[in-house]
C-alpha atoms as a PDB file:
ATOM      1  CA  MET A   1     -13.266 118.705 -37.349  1.00  0.00           C
ATOM      2  CA  LYS A   2     -15.234 121.158 -35.004  1.00  0.00           C
ATOM      3  CA  ILE A   3     -14.521 121.061 -31.264  1.00  0.00           C
ATOM      4  CA  GLY A   4     -17.735 122.051 -29.404  1.00  0.00           C
ATOM      5  CA  MET A   5     -18.224 123.450 -26.006  1.00  0.00           C
ATOM      6  CA  ARG A   6     -19.270 120.069 -24.116  1.00  0.00           C
ATOM      7  CA  ASN A   7     -16.050 118.344 -25.593  1.00  0.00           C
ATOM      8  CA  ILE A   8     -13.992 120.912 -23.877  1.00  0.00           C
ATOM      9  CA  LYS A   9     -15.563 120.846 -20.868  1.00  0.00           C
ATOM     10  CA  THR A  10     -15.393 117.331 -20.604  1.00  0.00           C
ATOM     11  CA  ALA A  11     -11.993 117.312 -21.174  1.00  0.00           C
ATOM     12  CA  ILE A  12     -11.203 120.029 -18.411  1.00  0.00           C
ATOM     13  CA  ALA A  13     -13.459 117.865 -15.600  1.00  0.00           C
ATOM     14  CA  VAL A  14     -11.287 114.901 -16.571  1.00  0.00           C
ATOM     15  CA  PHE A  15      -8.028 116.868 -16.322  1.00  0.00           C
ATOM     16  CA  ILE A  16      -9.688 118.096 -13.144  1.00  0.00           C
ATOM     17  CA  CYS A  17     -10.484 114.653 -11.927  1.00  0.00           C
ATOM     18  CA  VAL A  18      -6.669 113.520 -12.526  1.00  0.00           C
ATOM     19  CA  VAL A  19      -5.034 116.513 -10.467  1.00  0.00           C
ATOM     20  CA  ILE A  20      -7.402 116.751  -7.538  1.00  0.00           C
ATOM     21  CA  PHE A  21      -6.328 112.939  -7.152  1.00  0.00           C
ATOM     22  CA  LYS A  22      -2.732 113.907  -7.751  1.00  0.00           C
ATOM     23  CA  ILE A  23      -3.074 116.608  -5.125  1.00  0.00           C
ATOM     24  CA  PHE A  24      -4.371 114.194  -2.370  1.00  0.00           C
ATOM     25  CA  ARG A  25      -2.122 111.437  -3.486  1.00  0.00           C
ATOM     26  CA  MET A  26      -5.415 109.309  -3.534  1.00  0.00           C
ATOM     27  CA  ASP A  27      -5.583 105.963  -5.788  1.00  0.00           C
ATOM     28  CA  SER A  28      -6.442 105.902  -9.482  1.00  0.00           C
ATOM     29  CA  PRO A  29      -8.592 108.507 -10.507  1.00  0.00           C
ATOM     30  CA  PHE A  30     -10.408 106.024 -13.144  1.00  0.00           C
ATOM     31  CA  TYR A  31     -13.668 106.041 -11.651  1.00  0.00           C
ATOM     32  CA  ALA A  32     -13.621 109.543 -11.074  1.00  0.00           C
ATOM     33  CA  ALA A  33     -12.807 110.429 -14.498  1.00  0.00           C
ATOM     34  CA  ILE A  34     -15.243 108.034 -15.915  1.00  0.00           C
ATOM     35  CA  ALA A  35     -18.119 109.596 -13.659  1.00  0.00           C
ATOM     36  CA  ALA A  36     -17.195 113.048 -14.906  1.00  0.00           C
ATOM     37  CA  ILE A  37     -17.285 111.850 -18.518  1.00  0.00           C
ATOM     38  CA  ILE A  38     -20.472 110.511 -18.379  1.00  0.00           C
ATOM     39  CA  ALA A  39     -22.392 112.961 -16.311  1.00  0.00           C
ATOM     40  CA  MET A  40     -20.938 115.800 -18.532  1.00  0.00           C
ATOM     41  CA  GLN A  41     -24.207 116.913 -20.759  1.00  0.00           C
ATOM     42  CA  SER A  42     -25.442 119.689 -22.689  1.00  0.00           C
ATOM     43  CA  SER A  43     -26.963 121.482 -20.127  1.00  0.00           C
ATOM     44  CA  VAL A  44     -26.515 121.752 -16.161  1.00  0.00           C
ATOM     45  CA  LYS A  45     -30.008 120.394 -16.003  1.00  0.00           C
ATOM     46  CA  GLU A  46     -29.195 117.200 -18.096  1.00  0.00           C
ATOM     47  CA  THR A  47     -25.764 117.244 -16.156  1.00  0.00           C
ATOM     48  CA  PHE A  48     -27.885 116.572 -12.718  1.00  0.00           C
ATOM     49  CA  THR A  49     -29.791 114.048 -13.930  1.00  0.00           C
ATOM     50  CA  ALA A  50     -26.768 112.086 -15.444  1.00  0.00           C
ATOM     51  CA  GLY A  51     -24.477 112.240 -12.266  1.00  0.00           C
ATOM     52  CA  LYS A  52     -28.018 111.671 -10.084  1.00  0.00           C
ATOM     53  CA  ASN A  53     -28.665 108.191 -12.093  1.00  0.00           C
ATOM     54  CA  ARG A  54     -24.433 107.409 -11.732  1.00  0.00           C
ATOM     55  CA  MET A  55     -24.764 107.837  -8.076  1.00  0.00           C
ATOM     56  CA  LEU A  56     -27.548 105.981  -7.649  1.00  0.00           C
ATOM     57  CA  GLY A  57     -25.989 103.077  -9.968  1.00  0.00           C
ATOM     58  CA  THR A  58     -22.814 103.685  -7.802  1.00  0.00           C
ATOM     59  CA  PHE A  59     -24.644 103.334  -4.564  1.00  0.00           C
ATOM     60  CA  VAL A  60     -26.597  99.705  -5.257  1.00  0.00           C
ATOM     61  CA  GLY A  61     -23.257  98.437  -7.227  1.00  0.00           C
ATOM     62  CA  ALA A  62     -21.212  99.282  -4.177  1.00  0.00           C
ATOM     63  CA  ILE A  63     -23.696  97.412  -1.451  1.00  0.00           C
ATOM     64  CA  VAL A  64     -24.398  94.617  -3.516  1.00  0.00           C
ATOM     65  CA  GLY A  65     -20.415  94.621  -4.681  1.00  0.00           C
ATOM     66  CA  LEU A  66     -19.761  94.230  -0.537  1.00  0.00           C
ATOM     67  CA  SER A  67     -22.505  92.243   0.211  1.00  0.00           C
ATOM     68  CA  PHE A  68     -20.733  89.349  -2.270  1.00  0.00           C
ATOM     69  CA  ALA A  69     -17.016  90.545  -2.016  1.00  0.00           C
ATOM     70  CA  LEU A  70     -17.925  89.505   1.615  1.00  0.00           C
ATOM     71  CA  ILE A  71     -19.166  86.013   1.022  1.00  0.00           C
ATOM     72  CA  ASN A  72     -16.790  85.063  -2.119  1.00  0.00           C
ATOM     73  CA  PRO A  73     -14.862  87.639  -4.166  1.00  0.00           C
ATOM     74  CA  GLU A  74     -14.299  86.793  -7.829  1.00  0.00           C
ATOM     75  CA  ASN A  75     -16.619  83.867  -7.612  1.00  0.00           C
ATOM     76  CA  PRO A  76     -18.563  83.138 -11.073  1.00  0.00           C
ATOM     77  CA  PHE A  77     -21.263  81.895 -10.104  1.00  0.00           C
ATOM     78  CA  LEU A  78     -22.015  84.914  -7.551  1.00  0.00           C
ATOM     79  CA  VAL A  79     -20.991  87.861  -9.862  1.00  0.00           C
ATOM     80  CA  GLY A  80     -24.253  86.268 -12.615  1.00  0.00           C
ATOM     81  CA  ILE A  81     -26.130  85.968  -9.822  1.00  0.00           C
ATOM     82  CA  GLY A  82     -24.868  89.679  -8.358  1.00  0.00           C
ATOM     83  CA  ILE A  83     -25.894  91.184 -11.966  1.00  0.00           C
ATOM     84  CA  VAL A  84     -30.064  89.409 -11.895  1.00  0.00           C
ATOM     85  CA  ILE A  85     -30.130  91.371  -8.511  1.00  0.00           C
ATOM     86  CA  ILE A  86     -28.527  94.395  -9.641  1.00  0.00           C
ATOM     87  CA  ILE A  87     -30.963  94.317 -12.703  1.00  0.00           C
ATOM     88  CA  CYS A  88     -34.473  93.698 -10.434  1.00  0.00           C
ATOM     89  CA  ILE A  89     -33.446  96.207  -8.245  1.00  0.00           C
ATOM     90  CA  CYS A  90     -32.807  99.254 -10.404  1.00  0.00           C
ATOM     91  CA  ASN A  91     -36.337  98.037 -12.264  1.00  0.00           C
ATOM     92  CA  LYS A  92     -38.106  97.632  -9.256  1.00  0.00           C
ATOM     93  CA  LEU A  93     -36.975 101.396  -7.831  1.00  0.00           C
ATOM     94  CA  LYS A  94     -37.264 102.996 -11.714  1.00  0.00           C
ATOM     95  CA  TRP A  95     -33.687 103.654 -11.904  1.00  0.00           C
ATOM     96  CA  ASN A  96     -33.352 102.025 -15.468  1.00  0.00           C
ATOM     97  CA  LYS A  97     -30.807 105.074 -16.633  1.00  0.00           C
ATOM     98  CA  SER A  98     -28.698 103.646 -13.525  1.00  0.00           C
ATOM     99  CA  ILE A  99     -28.746  99.557 -14.568  1.00  0.00           C
ATOM    100  CA  SER A 100     -24.913 100.319 -16.781  1.00  0.00           C
ATOM    101  CA  THR A 101     -23.259 101.993 -14.063  1.00  0.00           C
ATOM    102  CA  SER A 102     -24.876  99.848 -11.015  1.00  0.00           C
ATOM    103  CA  GLY A 103     -23.217  96.769 -13.025  1.00  0.00           C
ATOM    104  CA  ILE A 104     -19.674  98.807 -13.763  1.00  0.00           C
ATOM    105  CA  VAL A 105     -19.200  99.146  -9.736  1.00  0.00           C
ATOM    106  CA  PHE A 106     -20.406  95.596  -8.987  1.00  0.00           C
ATOM    107  CA  ILE A 107     -18.053  93.519 -11.367  1.00  0.00           C
ATOM    108  CA  ALA A 108     -15.307  96.342 -10.047  1.00  0.00           C
ATOM    109  CA  ILE A 109     -15.787  95.158  -6.668  1.00  0.00           C
ATOM    110  CA  MET A 110     -16.052  91.380  -7.060  1.00  0.00           C
ATOM    111  CA  VAL A 111     -12.778  91.276  -9.551  1.00  0.00           C
ATOM    112  CA  ASN A 112     -10.934  93.693  -8.874  1.00  0.00           C
ATOM    113  CA  LEU A 113     -10.233  93.466  -5.099  1.00  0.00           C
ATOM    114  CA  ASN A 114      -6.467  92.119  -5.480  1.00  0.00           C
ATOM    115  CA  GLY A 115      -6.266  91.550  -1.595  1.00  0.00           C
ATOM    116  CA  LYS A 116      -8.052  95.002  -0.557  1.00  0.00           C
ATOM    117  CA  SER A 117     -10.330  95.375   1.851  1.00  0.00           C
ATOM    118  CA  PRO A 118     -13.956  94.960   0.511  1.00  0.00           C
ATOM    119  CA  TRP A 119     -15.264  97.346   3.031  1.00  0.00           C
ATOM    120  CA  THR A 120     -12.709 100.172   1.932  1.00  0.00           C
ATOM    121  CA  TYR A 121     -12.520  99.248  -1.975  1.00  0.00           C
ATOM    122  CA  SER A 122     -16.668  99.884  -2.039  1.00  0.00           C
ATOM    123  CA  LEU A 123     -16.112 103.316   0.126  1.00  0.00           C
ATOM    124  CA  TYR A 124     -13.162 104.559  -2.727  1.00  0.00           C
ATOM    125  CA  ARG A 125     -15.255 103.669  -5.652  1.00  0.00           C
ATOM    126  CA  THR A 126     -18.338 105.499  -4.200  1.00  0.00           C
ATOM    127  CA  ILE A 127     -16.226 108.262  -3.562  1.00  0.00           C
ATOM    128  CA  ASP A 128     -14.733 108.417  -6.237  1.00  0.00           C
ATOM    129  CA  THR A 129     -17.554 108.396  -8.248  1.00  0.00           C
ATOM    130  CA  LEU A 130     -18.959 111.550  -6.225  1.00  0.00           C
ATOM    131  CA  ILE A 131     -15.487 113.833  -7.259  1.00  0.00           C
ATOM    132  CA  GLY A 132     -16.102 113.253 -10.827  1.00  0.00           C
ATOM    133  CA  ILE A 133     -19.835 114.140 -10.540  1.00  0.00           C
ATOM    134  CA  GLY A 134     -19.391 117.246  -8.888  1.00  0.00           C
ATOM    135  CA  VAL A 135     -16.589 117.856 -10.949  1.00  0.00           C
ATOM    136  CA  ALA A 136     -18.944 117.950 -13.591  1.00  0.00           C
ATOM    137  CA  VAL A 137     -21.314 119.913 -12.664  1.00  0.00           C
ATOM    138  CA  ALA A 138     -19.034 122.314 -11.168  1.00  0.00           C
ATOM    139  CA  VAL A 139     -17.818 122.676 -14.569  1.00  0.00           C
ATOM    140  CA  ASN A 140     -20.795 122.812 -16.480  1.00  0.00           C
ATOM    141  CA  TYR A 141     -22.033 125.349 -14.255  1.00  0.00           C
ATOM    142  CA  LEU A 142     -18.950 127.632 -13.807  1.00  0.00           C
ATOM    143  CA  ILE A 143     -17.173 127.529 -17.304  1.00  0.00           C
ATOM    144  CA  PHE A 144     -18.204 129.117 -20.263  1.00  0.00           C
ATOM    145  CA  PRO A 145     -21.751 129.895 -19.495  1.00  0.00           C
ATOM    146  CA  PRO A 146     -23.867 131.573 -22.197  1.00  0.00           C
ATOM    147  CA  ASN A 147     -24.886 134.627 -22.737  1.00  0.00           C
ATOM    148  CA  SER A 148     -27.946 134.157 -21.018  1.00  0.00           C
ATOM    149  CA  THR A 149     -30.497 136.740 -21.719  1.00  0.00           C
ATOM    150  CA  GLU A 150     -29.809 137.305 -24.929  1.00  0.00           C
ATOM    151  CA  LYS A 151     -29.755 133.747 -26.230  1.00  0.00           C
ATOM    152  CA  LEU A 152     -32.252 132.911 -24.530  1.00  0.00           C
ATOM    153  CA  ILE A 153     -34.580 135.640 -26.849  1.00  0.00           C
ATOM    154  CA  LYS A 154     -32.879 134.410 -29.682  1.00  0.00           C
ATOM    155  CA  LEU A 155     -33.771 131.447 -29.719  1.00  0.00           C
ATOM    156  CA  TYR A 156     -37.548 132.186 -28.893  1.00  0.00           C
ATOM    157  CA  ARG A 157     -37.321 134.441 -31.987  1.00  0.00           C
ATOM    158  CA  GLU A 158     -36.377 132.031 -34.302  1.00  0.00           C
ATOM    159  CA  LEU A 159     -38.474 129.370 -33.021  1.00  0.00           C
ATOM    160  CA  LYS A 160     -41.384 131.806 -33.783  1.00  0.00           C
ATOM    161  CA  ASP A 161     -39.960 132.548 -37.395  1.00  0.00           C
ATOM    162  CA  ILE A 162     -39.856 128.708 -37.871  1.00  0.00           C
ATOM    163  CA  THR A 163     -43.425 128.536 -36.417  1.00  0.00           C
ATOM    164  CA  PHE A 164     -45.210 131.539 -38.514  1.00  0.00           C
ATOM    165  CA  LYS A 165     -43.340 129.999 -41.667  1.00  0.00           C
ATOM    166  CA  THR A 166     -43.983 125.987 -40.981  1.00  0.00           C
ATOM    167  CA  VAL A 167     -47.904 127.513 -40.623  1.00  0.00           C
ATOM    168  CA  GLU A 168     -47.395 129.644 -43.859  1.00  0.00           C
ATOM    169  CA  GLN A 169     -46.001 126.598 -45.669  1.00  0.00           C
ATOM    170  CA  ARG A 170     -49.471 124.527 -44.673  1.00  0.00           C
ATOM    171  CA  PHE A 171     -52.105 126.937 -45.465  1.00  0.00           C
ATOM    172  CA  CYS A 172     -50.813 129.255 -47.679  1.00  0.00           C
ATOM    173  CA  LEU A 173     -48.612 127.321 -50.180  1.00  0.00           C
ATOM    174  CA  GLY A 174     -50.847 124.342 -49.615  1.00  0.00           C
ATOM    175  CA  GLU A 175     -47.249 122.344 -49.018  1.00  0.00           C
ATOM    176  CA  ASN A 176     -46.717 119.779 -46.460  1.00  0.00           C
ATOM    177  CA  PRO A 177     -44.158 121.323 -44.251  1.00  0.00           C
ATOM    178  CA  ASN A 178     -41.417 119.092 -42.446  1.00  0.00           C
ATOM    179  CA  LEU A 179     -42.324 119.104 -38.768  1.00  0.00           C
ATOM    180  CA  SER A 180     -39.009 117.913 -37.454  1.00  0.00           C
ATOM    181  CA  LEU A 181     -37.261 120.887 -37.377  1.00  0.00           C
ATOM    182  CA  MET A 182     -40.069 122.696 -35.512  1.00  0.00           C
ATOM    183  CA  ASN A 183     -39.981 119.937 -32.875  1.00  0.00           C
ATOM    184  CA  LYS A 184     -36.222 119.938 -32.415  1.00  0.00           C
ATOM    185  CA  ARG A 185     -36.101 123.729 -31.960  1.00  0.00           C
ATOM    186  CA  ILE A 186     -38.591 123.319 -29.157  1.00  0.00           C
ATOM    187  CA  SER A 187     -36.964 120.811 -27.211  1.00  0.00           C
ATOM    188  CA  GLU A 188     -33.684 122.610 -27.161  1.00  0.00           C
ATOM    189  CA  LEU A 189     -35.327 125.747 -26.396  1.00  0.00           C
ATOM    190  CA  LYS A 190     -37.381 124.189 -23.506  1.00  0.00           C
ATOM    191  CA  VAL A 191     -33.762 122.669 -22.317  1.00  0.00           C
ATOM    192  CA  TYR A 192     -32.409 125.811 -22.149  1.00  0.00           C
ATOM    193  CA  ILE A 193     -35.172 127.469 -20.679  1.00  0.00           C
ATOM    194  CA  GLU A 194     -34.812 125.381 -18.077  1.00  0.00           C
ATOM    195  CA  ASP A 195     -30.989 124.970 -17.757  1.00  0.00           C
ATOM    196  CA  TYR A 196     -31.402 129.229 -18.054  1.00  0.00           C
ATOM    197  CA  SER A 197     -33.489 129.004 -14.467  1.00  0.00           C
ATOM    198  CA  ILE A 198     -31.207 126.959 -13.086  1.00  0.00           C
ATOM    199  CA  ARG A 199     -27.971 128.766 -13.727  1.00  0.00           C
ATOM    200  CA  PHE A 200     -28.759 132.383 -13.625  1.00  0.00           C
ATOM    201  CA  LYS A 201     -31.896 132.391 -10.983  1.00  0.00           C
ATOM    202  CA  PRO A 202     -33.644 135.493 -13.169  1.00  0.00           C
ATOM    203  CA  LYS A 203     -33.749 138.560 -11.154  1.00  0.00           C
ATOM    204  CA  GLU A 204     -37.901 140.233 -10.875  1.00  0.00           C
ATOM    205  CA  ASP A 205     -36.487 142.384 -14.093  1.00  0.00           C
ATOM    206  CA  LYS A 206     -36.085 139.207 -16.289  1.00  0.00           C
ATOM    207  CA  SER A 207     -38.886 136.956 -15.004  1.00  0.00           C
ATOM    208  CA  LYS A 208     -41.603 138.764 -17.436  1.00  0.00           C
ATOM    209  CA  VAL A 209     -38.896 137.433 -20.173  1.00  0.00           C
ATOM    210  CA  VAL A 210     -38.624 134.245 -19.284  1.00  0.00           C
ATOM    211  CA  SER A 211     -42.582 133.655 -18.220  1.00  0.00           C
ATOM    212  CA  ASN A 212     -43.531 134.611 -21.800  1.00  0.00           C
ATOM    213  CA  VAL A 213     -40.758 132.584 -23.212  1.00  0.00           C
ATOM    214  CA  THR A 214     -42.081 129.891 -21.479  1.00  0.00           C
ATOM    215  CA  GLU A 215     -45.426 130.468 -22.516  1.00  0.00           C
ATOM    216  CA  GLY A 216     -44.290 131.056 -26.589  1.00  0.00           C
ATOM    217  CA  ILE A 217     -42.993 127.570 -26.097  1.00  0.00           C
ATOM    218  CA  LYS A 218     -46.249 126.058 -25.056  1.00  0.00           C
ATOM    219  CA  LEU A 219     -47.861 127.917 -27.819  1.00  0.00           C
ATOM    220  CA  CYS A 220     -45.535 126.839 -30.148  1.00  0.00           C
ATOM    221  CA  ARG A 221     -46.110 122.974 -29.197  1.00  0.00           C
ATOM    222  CA  GLY A 222     -49.571 123.655 -29.519  1.00  0.00           C
ATOM    223  CA  VAL A 223     -48.848 124.593 -32.966  1.00  0.00           C
ATOM    224  CA  TYR A 224     -47.067 121.631 -33.679  1.00  0.00           C
ATOM    225  CA  GLU A 225     -48.875 119.510 -32.559  1.00  0.00           C
ATOM    226  CA  HIS A 226     -52.068 120.621 -34.402  1.00  0.00           C
ATOM    227  CA  LEU A 227     -50.358 120.174 -37.813  1.00  0.00           C
ATOM    228  CA  LYS A 228     -49.257 117.094 -36.667  1.00  0.00           C
ATOM    229  CA  ALA A 229     -52.934 116.144 -36.522  1.00  0.00           C
ATOM    230  CA  ILE A 230     -53.710 117.878 -39.886  1.00  0.00           C
ATOM    231  CA  GLU A 231     -50.457 115.714 -41.084  1.00  0.00           C
ATOM    232  CA  LEU A 232     -53.242 112.134 -40.117  1.00  0.00           C
ATOM    233  CA  ILE A 233     -55.955 113.244 -42.296  1.00  0.00           C
ATOM    234  CA  LYS A 234     -55.353 111.922 -45.983  1.00  0.00           C
ATOM    235  CA  GLU A 235     -58.961 113.127 -47.712  1.00  0.00           C
ATOM    236  CA  GLN A 236     -59.078 116.487 -49.418  1.00  0.00           C
ATOM    237  CA  THR A 237     -59.534 119.480 -47.413  1.00  0.00           C
ATOM    238  CA  VAL A 238     -60.105 123.087 -47.510  1.00  0.00           C
ATOM    239  CA  LEU A 239     -59.972 126.252 -45.120  1.00  0.00           C
ATOM    240  CA  ASN A 240     -63.899 127.588 -44.569  1.00  0.00           C
ATOM    241  CA  GLU A 241     -64.340 131.429 -45.299  1.00  0.00           C
ATOM    242  CA  TYR A 242     -63.507 132.127 -41.203  1.00  0.00           C
ATOM    243  CA  ASN A 243     -60.413 130.576 -41.515  1.00  0.00           C
ATOM    244  CA  ALA A 244     -59.364 131.688 -44.360  1.00  0.00           C
ATOM    245  CA  SER A 245     -60.065 135.042 -43.402  1.00  0.00           C
ATOM    246  CA  ARG A 246     -57.916 134.960 -40.520  1.00  0.00           C
ATOM    247  CA  ILE A 247     -54.937 133.181 -42.376  1.00  0.00           C
ATOM    248  CA  ASN A 248     -55.244 136.102 -45.011  1.00  0.00           C
ATOM    249  CA  SER A 249     -55.102 139.194 -42.044  1.00  0.00           C
ATOM    250  CA  LEU A 250     -51.686 137.197 -41.036  1.00  0.00           C
ATOM    251  CA  TYR A 251     -49.697 136.103 -43.886  1.00  0.00           C
ATOM    252  CA  ASN A 252     -51.568 138.685 -46.831  1.00  0.00           C
ATOM    253  CA  CYS A 253     -52.295 135.658 -48.993  1.00  0.00           C
ATOM    254  CA  SER A 254     -55.019 134.716 -50.765  1.00  0.00           C
ATOM    255  CA  ILE A 255     -57.041 131.621 -50.355  1.00  0.00           C
ATOM    256  CA  ASN A 256     -59.976 130.002 -51.711  1.00  0.00           C
ATOM    257  CA  THR A 257     -62.636 128.591 -49.871  1.00  0.00           C
ATOM    258  CA  ASN A 258     -65.402 126.229 -49.763  1.00  0.00           C
ATOM    259  CA  GLU A 259     -68.521 126.604 -48.236  1.00  0.00           C
ATOM    260  CA  GLU A 260     -69.946 123.532 -49.496  1.00  0.00           C
ATOM    261  CA  MET A 261     -67.160 120.669 -48.274  1.00  0.00           C
ATOM    262  CA  LYS A 262     -69.078 119.820 -45.052  1.00  0.00           C
ATOM    263  CA  THR A 263     -67.111 116.123 -44.787  1.00  0.00           C
ATOM    264  CA  GLU A 264     -66.112 114.737 -41.580  1.00  0.00           C
ATOM    265  CA  ALA A 265     -62.512 115.311 -42.381  1.00  0.00           C
ATOM    266  CA  ASN A 266     -63.008 118.692 -43.390  1.00  0.00           C
ATOM    267  CA  ALA A 267     -64.553 119.777 -40.124  1.00  0.00           C
ATOM    268  CA  ALA A 268     -61.445 118.012 -38.241  1.00  0.00           C
ATOM    269  CA  PHE A 269     -59.303 119.734 -40.612  1.00  0.00           C
ATOM    270  CA  ASN A 270     -60.896 123.293 -39.875  1.00  0.00           C
ATOM    271  CA  TYR A 271     -60.679 122.793 -36.126  1.00  0.00           C
ATOM    272  CA  HIS A 272     -57.294 121.735 -36.121  1.00  0.00           C
ATOM    273  CA  ALA A 273     -56.368 125.423 -38.417  1.00  0.00           C
ATOM    274  CA  ASP A 274     -59.023 127.407 -35.732  1.00  0.00           C
ATOM    275  CA  ARG A 275     -56.830 125.889 -33.135  1.00  0.00           C
ATOM    276  CA  ILE A 276     -53.248 127.078 -34.851  1.00  0.00           C
ATOM    277  CA  ILE A 277     -54.762 130.882 -35.972  1.00  0.00           C
ATOM    278  CA  ASP A 278     -55.650 130.793 -31.717  1.00  0.00           C
ATOM    279  CA  LYS A 279     -52.125 130.003 -30.883  1.00  0.00           C
ATOM    280  CA  LEU A 280     -50.457 132.377 -33.337  1.00  0.00           C
ATOM    281  CA  TYR A 281     -52.738 135.288 -32.622  1.00  0.00           C
ATOM    282  CA  SER A 282     -51.643 134.580 -29.258  1.00  0.00           C
ATOM    283  CA  ILE A 283     -48.181 133.927 -29.708  1.00  0.00           C
ATOM    284  CA  SER A 284     -48.335 137.816 -31.663  1.00  0.00           C
ATOM    285  CA  ARG A 285     -49.645 139.262 -28.445  1.00  0.00           C
ATOM    286  CA  LEU A 286     -46.764 138.277 -26.193  1.00  0.00           C
ATOM    287  CA  SER A 287     -44.002 139.737 -28.629  1.00  0.00           C
END
């Protein structure tokens, strides 16, 4: 069984939360630990996003929970009405990913007071969540950072290789390539470069690398989208002489052409092929 870095970082974040609560003799670290687990994601950017969603949900749940607990805590009717209100508020504010957290905090306040002040309990739950999110972000930002620029370049080269091989499969070998791997790598590299920019704030000597990789990702995405469009063409198609000659120069392969084929499907096919080849040349110039 493989233990990944996110697994380890999550455990470290929970450990730190528990230690903080013990050192400062605070109440149960339960909510801080939950916040740390939910906020910990594969990248710093995703951790920020998850933490923000949980914090927004905590505020909504705490405010609604406090309001209803002041009226009558543990009242089943009010608990049900409160959940309806929370969902409506989050949907109205387009905080859909905060609904679950908001509901959990609301229910915790409504059914777990055990004689405590609603004001104090709501404040502590908000502080607990802030601590958990802060710990998760700090751990993901500071512990086991990747080999930054070298990994960025490596991932981009892998994406380029996959892009060129995918196009070769389609035009030189006449196969229908599986585009899911290409799409997955584009998404992974996009997340990594965003995370890289947040974590390392590249200096001027590395800004050109970031700029080239960003442009390369955009071009590879364009190739992917045109290949997806070609997949939708079900009629027989063939490259025209111009596109065939350019593919031959890129891959040193021999492709038969048929200038007599004048169907709309073939025209669409060659339009997308032309765009793909243009982008491959642009990617080569970025290297």
